[in-house]
Amino acid sequence: MSRATLDDYYKSAAGQEETPKGPRTYRNVELVLILIAVVVAGGAYTLVGIGASDAIPANVYSYTGILAAFGIGINIVLRIRAKYADPILVPTAIMLNGLGLAMIFRIGVAKDNTRAADSQLIWMGLGVILCATVIFVLRDHRALRNWPYVAFLAGVFFLLLPLVPGLGRTINGSRIWIGLGPFSFQPGEIAKILLAIFFAGYFVNYRDQLRLAGPRFLGMRLPRLRDTGPLIIAWIIAVAVMVFQTDLGSALLFFGLFVAMLYVATGIKTWIVLGLSMFGAAAVSAYFLFSHFSLRVDAWLNALSPEEFNRTPGGSYQLVQGMFGMANGGLFGTGFGEGRPQIVPYSDSDFIISSFGEEIGMIGLFAILMLYLIMFQRGVKIAGNLRDHFGTLLSLGLSFLMAFQTFIVVGGVTRLIPLTGLTTPYLAAGGSSLVANWIILGLLLRMSDNARRPQEEFQTGVLQAVTDTSPKVRTDKEPDVVDYVTTDYNPNTSGYAPRQAGGELQ
């Protein structure tokens, strides 16, 4: 008897049979990072009070306690329902949200009205609750693949909701709001999540057809004409949003999401060229046909001219003041409460990036942008670790939404592109965007848990165990039940079937 055999015998006899260990959950690491994020946000809140009024804010302890309760609550939910979820996403979101609350409070102090900060804290609480609800209710993200067309119809419904007479509201020239008594809400923020789910489900089911090459033109391999239907439909929706709701930012965001997910699904660069060309043609046409767009483009191109600066409405006053504020902040900033960001219109929402640039400088602004880069990187990593193509596409799409929206906002504030009216995720005042981004965070946390969860623990109640009843000769080493994770989706039965050996995950 060999030594290895003797060791196995003695371990078995002593009841010391070794069991394989799964991946670490990192929930304690996440808790420590959440507490660090809360301390940083609470410190910024304190510095705002000291800088603006030479006194520590009276509500700093309650504010910090509520922020900590939100973070610890999500941590507890993850320990119970998604213990393998990514440990970096929640602390990053808490820090961004906390810093945004501090700046909104700072603007409110300068205007003798801090109700916007209190309202933002309430919206954050609602977003955290919805994030936890997604984690509890959605046991497996692949269940969403059963309802792509329902998600599409719901997304279009939310997009068109502001056009309903008596319900929609026009604010600052854009009809993207609905009014519910004293409250207003942007249904387009929910629509972008639903459309991301539809795009992921549709492209997984039809990616083979979309990959087929068509004729060559100017050195490019064009897709077949019959396969351009989804691109044309998405373009029509984007143009409709741009024309009827006069909202360039949302149109750019939706169409950019579609083209990005289409490229990831097919790997064909021609789709990007076609998408950019079609949206560019629509934007140029809108410039000549609609005054709202021409005013924004003129304010972008000729921002420093006296005519554009002094024109009301639609001038460049807001853009120029924001740029002057960032220039005043320089490299290190004036310090919290020491600048004058309140003189910029919408300094706590559309132009909160310029407010941060003035008071914490370019270095602090780069640190905030690095937090967004970290969130995008974690989303891409989740997509790479997932075992199914639907989850990969959905994770990339949701991560792209946050990253692209941040680029559009920062690009508009820094005069890289025209202003669009979008808000910075997690930072800016605005309940609709904040709630939507917390829902996105819940979906990413659920997908990250499924990506890292060991196969033996992957029994979510969504995937059905399939017993192999074929009459082939089996050995003792073969499992009687097909594993939950290594099964393929069957669109004809809306379920999962055994994956053939060497088959590709769907």
Protein backbone atom coordinates (compact mmCIF):
# COMPACT_ATOMS: atom_id res chain seq x y z
CA MET A 1 0.00 0.00 0.00
CA SER A 2 1.46 3.36 -1.07
CA ARG A 3 1.97 6.28 1.30
CA ALA A 4 -0.73 8.36 -0.47
CA THR A 5 -3.20 5.52 -0.05
CA LEU A 6 -2.37 5.22 3.64
CA ASP A 7 -2.86 8.97 4.12
CA ASP A 8 -6.28 8.79 2.46
CA TYR A 9 -7.19 5.79 4.65
CA TYR A 10 -6.25 7.48 7.91
CA LYS A 11 -8.02 10.73 6.97
CA SER A 12 -11.16 8.81 6.09
CA ALA A 13 -10.98 6.80 9.28
CA ALA A 14 -10.57 9.92 11.39
CA GLY A 15 -13.46 11.68 9.66
CA GLN A 16 -11.10 14.25 8.22
CA GLU A 17 -12.09 13.91 4.57
CA GLU A 18 -11.02 17.13 2.86
CA THR A 19 -13.72 19.04 1.00
CA PRO A 20 -12.88 21.41 -1.85
CA LYS A 21 -13.14 25.06 -0.94
CA GLY A 22 -15.09 27.45 -3.12
CA PRO A 23 -14.00 30.96 -4.07
CA ARG A 24 -13.78 33.59 -1.36
CA THR A 25 -16.85 35.74 -0.90
CA TYR A 26 -14.98 38.96 0.08
CA ARG A 27 -18.01 40.27 1.98
CA ASN A 28 -15.85 41.43 4.90
CA VAL A 29 -13.55 43.22 2.47
CA GLU A 30 -16.59 44.89 0.95
CA LEU A 31 -17.80 45.98 4.40
CA VAL A 32 -14.46 47.63 5.17
CA LEU A 33 -14.50 49.43 1.81
CA ILE A 34 -18.08 50.59 2.46
CA LEU A 35 -17.05 52.07 5.81
CA ILE A 36 -14.11 53.84 4.12
CA ALA A 37 -16.50 55.26 1.50
CA VAL A 38 -18.85 56.46 4.24
CA VAL A 39 -15.99 58.14 6.09
CA VAL A 40 -14.85 59.91 2.91
CA ALA A 41 -18.40 61.08 2.11
CA GLY A 42 -18.98 62.17 5.72
CA GLY A 43 -15.68 64.04 5.70
CA ALA A 44 -16.66 65.88 2.53
CA TYR A 45 -20.00 66.78 4.13
CA THR A 46 -18.19 68.13 7.19
CA LEU A 47 -15.73 70.14 5.12
CA VAL A 48 -18.61 71.72 3.23
CA GLY A 49 -20.07 73.06 6.48
CA ILE A 50 -16.72 74.29 7.76
CA GLY A 51 -15.83 75.95 4.46
CA ALA A 52 -19.22 77.54 3.87
CA SER A 53 -20.23 78.62 7.40
CA ASP A 54 -17.22 77.89 9.66
CA ALA A 55 -19.25 75.27 11.54
CA ILE A 56 -19.76 71.53 11.40
CA PRO A 57 -23.23 70.77 9.95
CA ALA A 58 -25.70 69.85 12.67
CA ASN A 59 -26.98 66.85 10.70
CA VAL A 60 -23.60 65.39 9.77
CA TYR A 61 -23.96 62.45 12.18
CA SER A 62 -27.45 61.53 11.01
CA TYR A 63 -26.34 61.92 7.38
CA THR A 64 -23.31 59.68 7.91
CA GLY A 65 -25.37 57.16 9.85
CA ILE A 66 -28.01 56.90 7.10
CA LEU A 67 -25.30 56.48 4.47
CA ALA A 68 -23.65 53.74 6.56
CA ALA A 69 -27.02 52.04 7.07
CA PHE A 70 -27.59 51.93 3.31
CA GLY A 71 -24.18 50.41 2.67
CA ILE A 72 -24.34 47.89 5.51
CA GLY A 73 -27.88 46.95 4.49
CA ILE A 74 -26.77 46.07 0.97
CA ASN A 75 -23.84 44.15 2.43
CA ILE A 76 -26.22 42.06 4.57
CA VAL A 77 -28.48 41.40 1.58
CA LEU A 78 -25.49 40.19 -0.42
CA ARG A 79 -24.38 37.91 2.41
CA ILE A 80 -27.81 36.28 2.36
CA ARG A 81 -28.66 36.13 -1.36
CA ALA A 82 -25.52 36.79 -3.42
CA LYS A 83 -22.47 36.07 -1.30
CA TYR A 84 -20.16 35.74 -4.31
CA ALA A 85 -21.09 39.14 -5.78
CA ASP A 86 -18.42 41.64 -6.76
CA PRO A 87 -17.05 43.37 -3.62
CA ILE A 88 -16.01 46.63 -5.33
CA LEU A 89 -19.24 47.85 -6.95
CA VAL A 90 -21.22 48.76 -3.81
CA PRO A 91 -18.42 50.73 -2.06
CA THR A 92 -17.76 52.65 -5.29
CA ALA A 93 -21.43 53.53 -5.72
CA ILE A 94 -21.70 54.56 -2.05
CA MET A 95 -18.69 56.86 -2.37
CA LEU A 96 -19.94 58.49 -5.57
CA ASN A 97 -23.43 58.91 -4.14
CA GLY A 98 -22.07 60.29 -0.88
CA LEU A 99 -19.81 62.81 -2.59
CA GLY A 100 -22.71 63.89 -4.77
CA LEU A 101 -24.88 64.43 -1.70
CA ALA A 102 -22.13 66.54 -0.12
CA MET A 103 -21.90 68.77 -3.21
CA ILE A 104 -25.69 69.08 -3.51
CA PHE A 105 -25.77 70.12 0.15
CA ARG A 106 -22.96 72.61 -0.53
CA ILE A 107 -24.93 74.24 -3.36
CA GLY A 108 -28.01 74.30 -1.14
CA VAL A 109 -26.13 76.06 1.66
CA ALA A 110 -25.02 78.77 -0.77
CA LYS A 111 -28.64 79.23 -1.90
CA ASP A 112 -30.11 78.98 1.64
CA ASN A 113 -32.15 75.94 0.61
CA THR A 114 -30.92 72.41 1.37
CA ARG A 115 -34.12 70.59 0.46
CA ALA A 116 -32.48 69.22 -2.69
CA ALA A 117 -29.95 67.30 -0.56
CA ASP A 118 -32.72 65.86 1.64
CA SER A 119 -34.68 64.85 -1.44
CA GLN A 120 -31.62 63.22 -2.98
CA LEU A 121 -31.07 61.18 0.20
CA ILE A 122 -34.66 59.94 -0.02
CA TRP A 123 -34.20 58.98 -3.67
CA MET A 124 -31.00 57.17 -2.71
CA GLY A 125 -32.94 55.18 -0.10
CA LEU A 126 -35.50 54.19 -2.74
CA GLY A 127 -32.71 53.19 -5.11
CA VAL A 128 -31.02 51.04 -2.45
CA ILE A 129 -34.34 49.32 -1.69
CA LEU A 130 -34.90 48.57 -5.38
CA CYS A 131 -31.33 47.31 -5.71
CA ALA A 132 -31.91 44.91 -2.81
CA THR A 133 -35.25 43.88 -4.33
CA VAL A 134 -33.56 42.97 -7.62
CA ILE A 135 -31.06 40.80 -5.73
CA PHE A 136 -33.79 39.05 -3.74
CA VAL A 137 -36.32 38.53 -6.54
CA LEU A 138 -34.03 37.79 -9.49
CA ARG A 139 -32.41 34.49 -8.56
CA ASP A 140 -30.77 34.06 -11.97
CA HIS A 141 -30.27 36.75 -14.60
CA ARG A 142 -30.95 34.29 -17.44
CA ALA A 143 -34.63 34.35 -16.53
CA LEU A 144 -34.73 37.77 -18.19
CA ARG A 145 -33.91 36.13 -21.51
CA ASN A 146 -37.41 34.63 -21.59
CA TRP A 147 -38.97 38.09 -21.98
CA PRO A 148 -37.01 40.11 -24.58
CA TYR A 149 -40.02 41.38 -26.51
CA VAL A 150 -41.93 42.21 -23.32
CA ALA A 151 -38.90 44.27 -22.28
CA PHE A 152 -38.90 45.96 -25.69
CA LEU A 153 -42.59 46.89 -25.55
CA ALA A 154 -42.24 48.13 -21.97
CA GLY A 155 -39.18 50.17 -22.92
CA VAL A 156 -40.96 51.83 -25.86
CA PHE A 157 -43.97 52.47 -23.60
CA PHE A 158 -41.80 54.29 -21.06
CA LEU A 159 -40.09 56.25 -23.84
CA LEU A 160 -43.40 57.46 -25.25
CA LEU A 161 -45.02 58.15 -21.89
CA PRO A 162 -43.94 61.84 -21.74
CA LEU A 163 -45.81 62.47 -25.01
CA VAL A 164 -49.17 61.65 -23.38
CA PRO A 165 -51.21 64.89 -23.09
CA GLY A 166 -51.75 65.97 -19.51
CA LEU A 167 -49.09 63.62 -18.20
CA GLY A 168 -45.90 64.76 -19.94
CA ARG A 169 -44.05 67.90 -18.91
CA THR A 170 -41.72 70.12 -20.91
CA ILE A 171 -38.78 71.37 -18.86
CA ASN A 172 -35.93 73.40 -20.37
CA GLY A 173 -37.18 72.66 -23.88
CA SER A 174 -37.22 68.85 -23.53
CA ARG A 175 -40.37 66.80 -23.07
CA ILE A 176 -38.85 63.87 -21.17
CA TRP A 177 -40.70 64.20 -17.87
CA ILE A 178 -44.02 62.99 -16.51
CA GLY A 179 -45.79 64.70 -13.65
CA LEU A 180 -47.33 62.79 -10.76
CA GLY A 181 -48.79 65.45 -8.51
CA PRO A 182 -45.91 67.42 -6.99
CA PHE A 183 -43.39 64.84 -8.23
CA SER A 184 -41.76 64.50 -11.65
CA PHE A 185 -40.01 61.50 -13.12
CA GLN A 186 -38.03 60.62 -16.25
CA PRO A 187 -39.40 57.28 -17.55
CA GLY A 188 -36.58 57.17 -20.10
CA GLU A 189 -34.21 56.19 -17.28
CA ILE A 190 -36.16 52.95 -16.79
CA ALA A 191 -36.53 52.51 -20.56
CA LYS A 192 -32.77 52.30 -21.05
CA ILE A 193 -32.56 49.29 -18.71
CA LEU A 194 -35.45 47.53 -20.45
CA LEU A 195 -33.95 48.18 -23.89
CA ALA A 196 -30.59 46.80 -22.73
CA ILE A 197 -32.36 43.57 -21.70
CA PHE A 198 -34.12 43.40 -25.08
CA PHE A 199 -30.92 44.03 -27.05
CA ALA A 200 -29.07 41.31 -25.13
CA GLY A 201 -31.83 38.74 -25.69
CA TYR A 202 -32.34 39.63 -29.34
CA PHE A 203 -28.66 39.63 -30.30
CA VAL A 204 -28.03 36.28 -28.60
CA ASN A 205 -30.88 34.67 -30.54
CA TYR A 206 -30.00 36.23 -33.92
CA ARG A 207 -26.28 36.90 -33.77
CA ASP A 208 -25.52 34.19 -36.35
CA GLN A 209 -27.76 35.87 -38.91
CA LEU A 210 -26.29 39.28 -38.12
CA ARG A 211 -22.77 37.93 -38.65
CA LEU A 212 -23.47 36.88 -42.24
CA ALA A 213 -21.62 39.07 -44.68
CA GLY A 214 -23.16 40.90 -47.60
CA PRO A 215 -21.68 42.82 -50.54
CA ARG A 216 -18.49 44.87 -50.34
CA PHE A 217 -18.57 48.66 -50.68
CA LEU A 218 -15.56 51.01 -50.45
CA GLY A 219 -13.46 48.21 -48.99
CA MET A 220 -16.02 47.38 -46.28
CA ARG A 221 -18.07 44.20 -46.02
CA LEU A 222 -21.65 45.37 -45.59
CA PRO A 223 -24.32 43.28 -43.83
CA ARG A 224 -27.18 41.82 -45.80
CA LEU A 225 -30.02 44.25 -46.41
CA ARG A 226 -32.52 42.01 -44.63
CA ASP A 227 -30.37 42.08 -41.47
CA THR A 228 -30.32 45.88 -41.18
CA GLY A 229 -33.93 45.94 -39.91
CA PRO A 230 -33.03 46.13 -36.19
CA LEU A 231 -30.56 48.94 -36.88
CA ILE A 232 -33.19 50.91 -38.78
CA ILE A 233 -35.78 50.39 -36.02
CA ALA A 234 -33.34 51.57 -33.35
CA TRP A 235 -32.46 54.57 -35.52
CA ILE A 236 -36.15 55.45 -35.93
CA ILE A 237 -36.66 55.28 -32.15
CA ALA A 238 -33.63 57.51 -31.55
CA VAL A 239 -34.82 60.03 -34.16
CA ALA A 240 -38.32 60.00 -32.64
CA VAL A 241 -36.89 60.81 -29.21
CA MET A 242 -34.73 63.54 -30.72
CA VAL A 243 -37.61 65.12 -32.69
CA PHE A 244 -40.69 64.75 -30.52
CA GLN A 245 -38.99 65.04 -27.13
CA THR A 246 -36.16 67.34 -28.30
CA ASP A 247 -33.73 65.28 -26.25
CA LEU A 248 -30.41 64.80 -28.00
CA GLY A 249 -28.72 63.19 -24.98
CA SER A 250 -31.18 60.32 -24.56
CA ALA A 251 -31.27 59.68 -28.32
CA LEU A 252 -27.48 59.48 -28.41
CA LEU A 253 -27.43 57.21 -25.35
CA PHE A 254 -30.03 54.75 -26.69
CA PHE A 255 -28.57 54.51 -30.15
CA GLY A 256 -25.01 54.26 -28.80
CA LEU A 257 -26.10 51.41 -26.54
CA PHE A 258 -27.65 49.57 -29.49
CA VAL A 259 -24.60 49.94 -31.73
CA ALA A 260 -22.16 48.97 -28.96
CA MET A 261 -24.07 45.80 -28.05
CA LEU A 262 -24.51 44.93 -31.73
CA TYR A 263 -20.77 45.19 -32.28
CA VAL A 264 -19.99 43.07 -29.21
CA ALA A 265 -22.48 40.41 -30.35
CA THR A 266 -21.22 40.18 -33.94
CA GLY A 267 -17.66 41.53 -33.93
CA ILE A 268 -18.32 43.32 -37.24
CA LYS A 269 -16.92 46.85 -37.32
CA THR A 270 -19.13 47.82 -40.24
CA TRP A 271 -22.07 48.08 -37.82
CA ILE A 272 -20.24 50.86 -35.96
CA VAL A 273 -19.59 52.77 -39.19
CA LEU A 274 -23.20 52.42 -40.29
CA GLY A 275 -24.54 53.40 -36.87
CA LEU A 276 -22.36 56.50 -36.55
CA SER A 277 -23.19 57.54 -40.10
CA MET A 278 -26.94 57.20 -39.58
CA PHE A 279 -26.95 59.06 -36.27
CA GLY A 280 -24.66 61.76 -37.67
CA ALA A 281 -27.00 62.29 -40.61
CA ALA A 282 -29.98 62.55 -38.23
CA ALA A 283 -28.15 65.03 -35.97
CA VAL A 284 -27.15 67.25 -38.91
CA SER A 285 -30.71 67.23 -40.21
CA ALA A 286 -32.02 68.14 -36.74
CA TYR A 287 -29.60 71.08 -36.62
CA PHE A 288 -31.17 72.61 -39.72
CA LEU A 289 -34.77 71.66 -38.95
CA PHE A 290 -35.15 72.38 -35.22
CA SER A 291 -34.08 75.55 -33.46
CA HIS A 292 -33.55 73.79 -30.12
CA PHE A 293 -30.62 71.80 -31.54
CA SER A 294 -29.17 74.65 -33.57
CA LEU A 295 -29.06 76.84 -30.45
CA ARG A 296 -27.13 74.22 -28.51
CA VAL A 297 -24.66 73.64 -31.33
CA ASP A 298 -24.11 77.38 -31.81
CA ALA A 299 -23.53 77.79 -28.07
CA TRP A 300 -20.98 74.99 -28.25
CA LEU A 301 -19.09 76.26 -31.31
CA ASN A 302 -19.15 79.97 -30.40
CA ALA A 303 -19.32 79.77 -26.62
CA LEU A 304 -17.01 82.74 -25.96
CA SER A 305 -18.62 85.15 -28.40
CA PRO A 306 -20.57 88.00 -26.71
CA GLU A 307 -23.68 87.21 -28.77
CA GLU A 308 -23.87 83.61 -27.61
CA PHE A 309 -22.85 84.42 -24.04
CA ASN A 310 -25.59 87.01 -23.57
CA ARG A 311 -28.34 85.29 -25.55
CA THR A 312 -31.39 84.25 -23.52
CA PRO A 313 -32.53 81.52 -23.70
CA GLY A 314 -30.16 79.03 -25.26
CA GLY A 315 -26.92 80.97 -24.85
CA SER A 316 -23.54 79.78 -23.61
CA TYR A 317 -23.61 81.55 -20.22
CA GLN A 318 -23.99 78.30 -18.31
CA LEU A 319 -21.22 76.53 -20.23
CA VAL A 320 -18.75 79.41 -19.97
CA GLN A 321 -19.35 79.97 -16.25
CA GLY A 322 -18.77 76.28 -15.62
CA MET A 323 -15.48 76.39 -17.53
CA PHE A 324 -14.41 79.51 -15.62
CA GLY A 325 -15.23 77.73 -12.37
CA MET A 326 -13.03 74.75 -13.26
CA ALA A 327 -10.25 77.13 -14.29
CA ASN A 328 -10.59 78.87 -10.93
CA GLY A 329 -10.19 75.54 -9.17
CA GLY A 330 -6.94 74.78 -10.92
CA LEU A 331 -5.01 71.67 -9.95
CA PHE A 332 -6.00 71.29 -6.29
CA GLY A 333 -9.28 73.25 -6.09
CA THR A 334 -10.46 75.97 -3.76
CA GLY A 335 -11.64 73.51 -1.12
CA PHE A 336 -15.16 72.41 -0.17
CA GLY A 337 -17.30 75.44 0.58
CA GLU A 338 -14.64 77.91 -0.59
CA GLY A 339 -15.62 78.36 -4.24
CA ARG A 340 -18.63 79.86 -5.97
CA PRO A 341 -20.16 76.99 -7.98
CA GLN A 342 -23.67 78.21 -7.18
CA ILE A 343 -23.47 80.97 -9.77
CA VAL A 344 -23.59 78.32 -12.53
CA PRO A 345 -27.18 77.38 -13.43
CA TYR A 346 -28.00 73.77 -12.53
CA SER A 347 -24.69 73.45 -10.71
CA ASP A 348 -26.03 70.56 -8.62
CA SER A 349 -27.33 68.50 -11.56
CA ASP A 350 -26.22 69.04 -15.15
CA PHE A 351 -23.06 70.92 -14.12
CA ILE A 352 -22.10 69.13 -10.91
CA ILE A 353 -18.86 68.05 -12.61
CA SER A 354 -17.81 71.70 -12.97
CA SER A 355 -18.76 72.28 -9.31
CA PHE A 356 -16.41 69.49 -8.24
CA GLY A 357 -13.74 70.76 -10.62
CA GLU A 358 -13.81 74.15 -8.91
CA GLU A 359 -13.73 72.96 -5.31
CA ILE A 360 -11.53 69.84 -5.44
CA GLY A 361 -9.53 70.71 -8.57
CA MET A 362 -8.42 68.66 -11.51
CA ILE A 363 -6.79 66.03 -9.29
CA GLY A 364 -10.01 65.48 -7.35
CA LEU A 365 -12.03 65.40 -10.55
CA PHE A 366 -9.70 62.78 -12.00
CA ALA A 367 -10.18 60.72 -8.83
CA ILE A 368 -13.96 60.82 -9.36
CA LEU A 369 -13.56 59.81 -13.00
CA MET A 370 -11.31 56.97 -11.83
CA LEU A 371 -14.19 55.67 -9.70
CA TYR A 372 -16.35 55.51 -12.82
CA LEU A 373 -13.54 53.75 -14.65
CA ILE A 374 -13.37 51.19 -11.83
CA MET A 375 -17.10 50.52 -12.09
CA PHE A 376 -16.82 50.06 -15.85
CA GLN A 377 -13.84 47.73 -15.43
CA ARG A 378 -15.70 45.61 -12.90
CA GLY A 379 -18.67 45.37 -15.25
CA VAL A 380 -16.43 44.22 -18.10
CA LYS A 381 -14.77 41.68 -15.80
CA ILE A 382 -18.18 40.34 -14.79
CA ALA A 383 -19.07 39.97 -18.47
CA GLY A 384 -15.87 38.05 -19.11
CA ASN A 385 -16.49 35.64 -16.22
CA LEU A 386 -20.12 34.85 -17.04
CA ARG A 387 -20.89 31.45 -18.53
CA ASP A 388 -23.62 32.56 -20.93
CA HIS A 389 -23.68 34.98 -23.86
CA PHE A 390 -26.87 36.69 -22.70
CA GLY A 391 -25.32 37.65 -19.39
CA THR A 392 -22.12 38.75 -21.11
CA LEU A 393 -24.02 41.07 -23.44
CA LEU A 394 -26.27 42.43 -20.69
CA SER A 395 -23.37 43.12 -18.33
CA LEU A 396 -21.41 44.89 -21.06
CA GLY A 397 -24.49 46.86 -22.11
CA LEU A 398 -25.29 48.09 -18.59
CA SER A 399 -21.63 48.95 -17.93
CA PHE A 400 -21.49 50.81 -21.24
CA LEU A 401 -24.61 52.78 -20.26
CA MET A 402 -22.95 54.21 -17.16
CA ALA A 403 -19.61 54.83 -18.87
CA PHE A 404 -21.11 56.40 -22.00
CA GLN A 405 -23.48 58.60 -20.01
CA THR A 406 -20.54 59.84 -17.94
CA PHE A 407 -18.59 60.58 -21.12
CA ILE A 408 -21.51 62.53 -22.61
CA VAL A 409 -21.90 64.65 -19.47
CA VAL A 410 -18.19 65.34 -18.97
CA GLY A 411 -17.75 65.96 -22.68
CA GLY A 412 -20.55 68.54 -22.64
CA VAL A 413 -19.26 70.36 -19.54
CA THR A 414 -15.71 70.53 -20.92
CA ARG A 415 -16.95 71.63 -24.37
CA LEU A 416 -15.80 68.49 -26.11
CA ILE A 417 -19.33 67.90 -27.45
CA PRO A 418 -22.55 69.96 -27.27
CA LEU A 419 -24.51 69.96 -24.02
CA THR A 420 -27.13 67.24 -23.87
CA GLY A 421 -28.92 67.67 -20.53
CA LEU A 422 -27.99 64.24 -19.15
CA THR A 423 -26.96 63.89 -15.51
CA THR A 424 -23.85 62.27 -14.06
CA PRO A 425 -24.66 58.79 -12.64
CA TYR A 426 -24.84 58.67 -8.81
CA LEU A 427 -23.41 62.21 -8.42
CA ALA A 428 -25.96 64.63 -9.82
CA ALA A 429 -29.25 65.68 -8.28
CA GLY A 430 -32.15 63.86 -9.89
CA GLY A 431 -34.15 60.97 -8.53
CA SER A 432 -34.91 59.25 -11.85
CA SER A 433 -31.29 58.75 -12.84
CA LEU A 434 -30.24 57.78 -9.33
CA VAL A 435 -32.92 55.10 -8.95
CA ALA A 436 -32.18 53.68 -12.41
CA ASN A 437 -28.46 53.42 -11.70
CA TRP A 438 -29.07 51.60 -8.41
CA ILE A 439 -31.25 49.12 -10.32
CA ILE A 440 -28.40 48.65 -12.80
CA LEU A 441 -26.09 48.04 -9.85
CA GLY A 442 -28.45 45.35 -8.54
CA LEU A 443 -28.40 43.57 -11.91
CA LEU A 444 -24.61 43.69 -12.07
CA LEU A 445 -24.33 42.33 -8.52
CA ARG A 446 -26.66 39.45 -9.37
CA MET A 447 -24.71 38.62 -12.53
CA SER A 448 -21.36 38.82 -10.71
CA ASP A 449 -22.66 36.37 -8.09
CA ASN A 450 -23.70 33.93 -10.82
CA ALA A 451 -20.34 34.36 -12.53
CA ARG A 452 -18.31 33.40 -9.44
CA ARG A 453 -20.68 30.92 -7.82
CA PRO A 454 -19.43 27.30 -7.85
CA GLN A 455 -21.44 24.91 -9.98
CA GLU A 456 -22.52 22.75 -7.06
CA GLU A 457 -24.21 25.78 -5.46
CA PHE A 458 -25.89 26.98 -8.64
CA GLN A 459 -29.43 25.84 -7.87
CA THR A 460 -31.54 28.91 -8.26
CA GLY A 461 -34.92 27.45 -9.10
CA VAL A 462 -34.81 28.96 -12.60
CA LEU A 463 -32.84 26.25 -14.35
CA GLN A 464 -34.50 22.86 -14.45
CA ALA A 465 -32.46 19.74 -13.81
CA VAL A 466 -32.62 17.43 -16.83
CA THR A 467 -32.14 13.71 -16.31
CA ASP A 468 -30.42 11.81 -19.09
CA THR A 469 -32.73 8.89 -19.97
CA SER A 470 -30.92 7.80 -23.13
CA PRO A 471 -30.16 4.04 -23.31
CA LYS A 472 -26.43 4.52 -23.81
CA VAL A 473 -24.00 2.64 -21.59
CA ARG A 474 -22.96 4.78 -18.64
CA THR A 475 -20.04 4.51 -16.25
CA ASP A 476 -20.05 5.09 -12.53
CA LYS A 477 -18.13 8.34 -12.98
CA GLU A 478 -20.80 9.98 -15.12
CA PRO A 479 -23.32 12.21 -13.30
CA ASP A 480 -26.99 11.26 -13.43
CA VAL A 481 -28.13 14.86 -13.67
CA VAL A 482 -26.88 17.45 -16.09
CA ASP A 483 -25.19 20.32 -14.30
CA TYR A 484 -27.19 23.52 -13.92
CA VAL A 485 -24.52 25.84 -15.31
CA THR A 486 -23.45 23.82 -18.34
CA THR A 487 -26.83 23.77 -20.03
CA ASP A 488 -27.99 25.53 -23.14
CA TYR A 489 -31.01 27.73 -23.48
CA ASN A 490 -33.79 26.39 -25.71
CA PRO A 491 -35.89 29.30 -27.06
CA ASN A 492 -38.57 26.91 -28.31
CA THR A 493 -39.38 25.64 -24.82
CA SER A 494 -38.35 28.75 -22.85
CA GLY A 495 -36.10 26.52 -20.76
CA TYR A 496 -32.64 25.02 -20.59
CA ALA A 497 -31.63 21.75 -22.17
CA PRO A 498 -28.44 19.66 -21.86
CA ARG A 499 -25.45 21.05 -23.69
CA GLN A 500 -23.80 18.73 -26.18
CA ALA A 501 -20.16 17.88 -25.66
CA GLY A 502 -18.00 20.63 -27.08
CA GLY A 503 -21.03 22.84 -27.64
CA GLU A 504 -20.96 26.59 -27.26
CA LEU A 505 -22.63 28.30 -24.36
CA GLN A 506 -25.53 30.47 -25.45
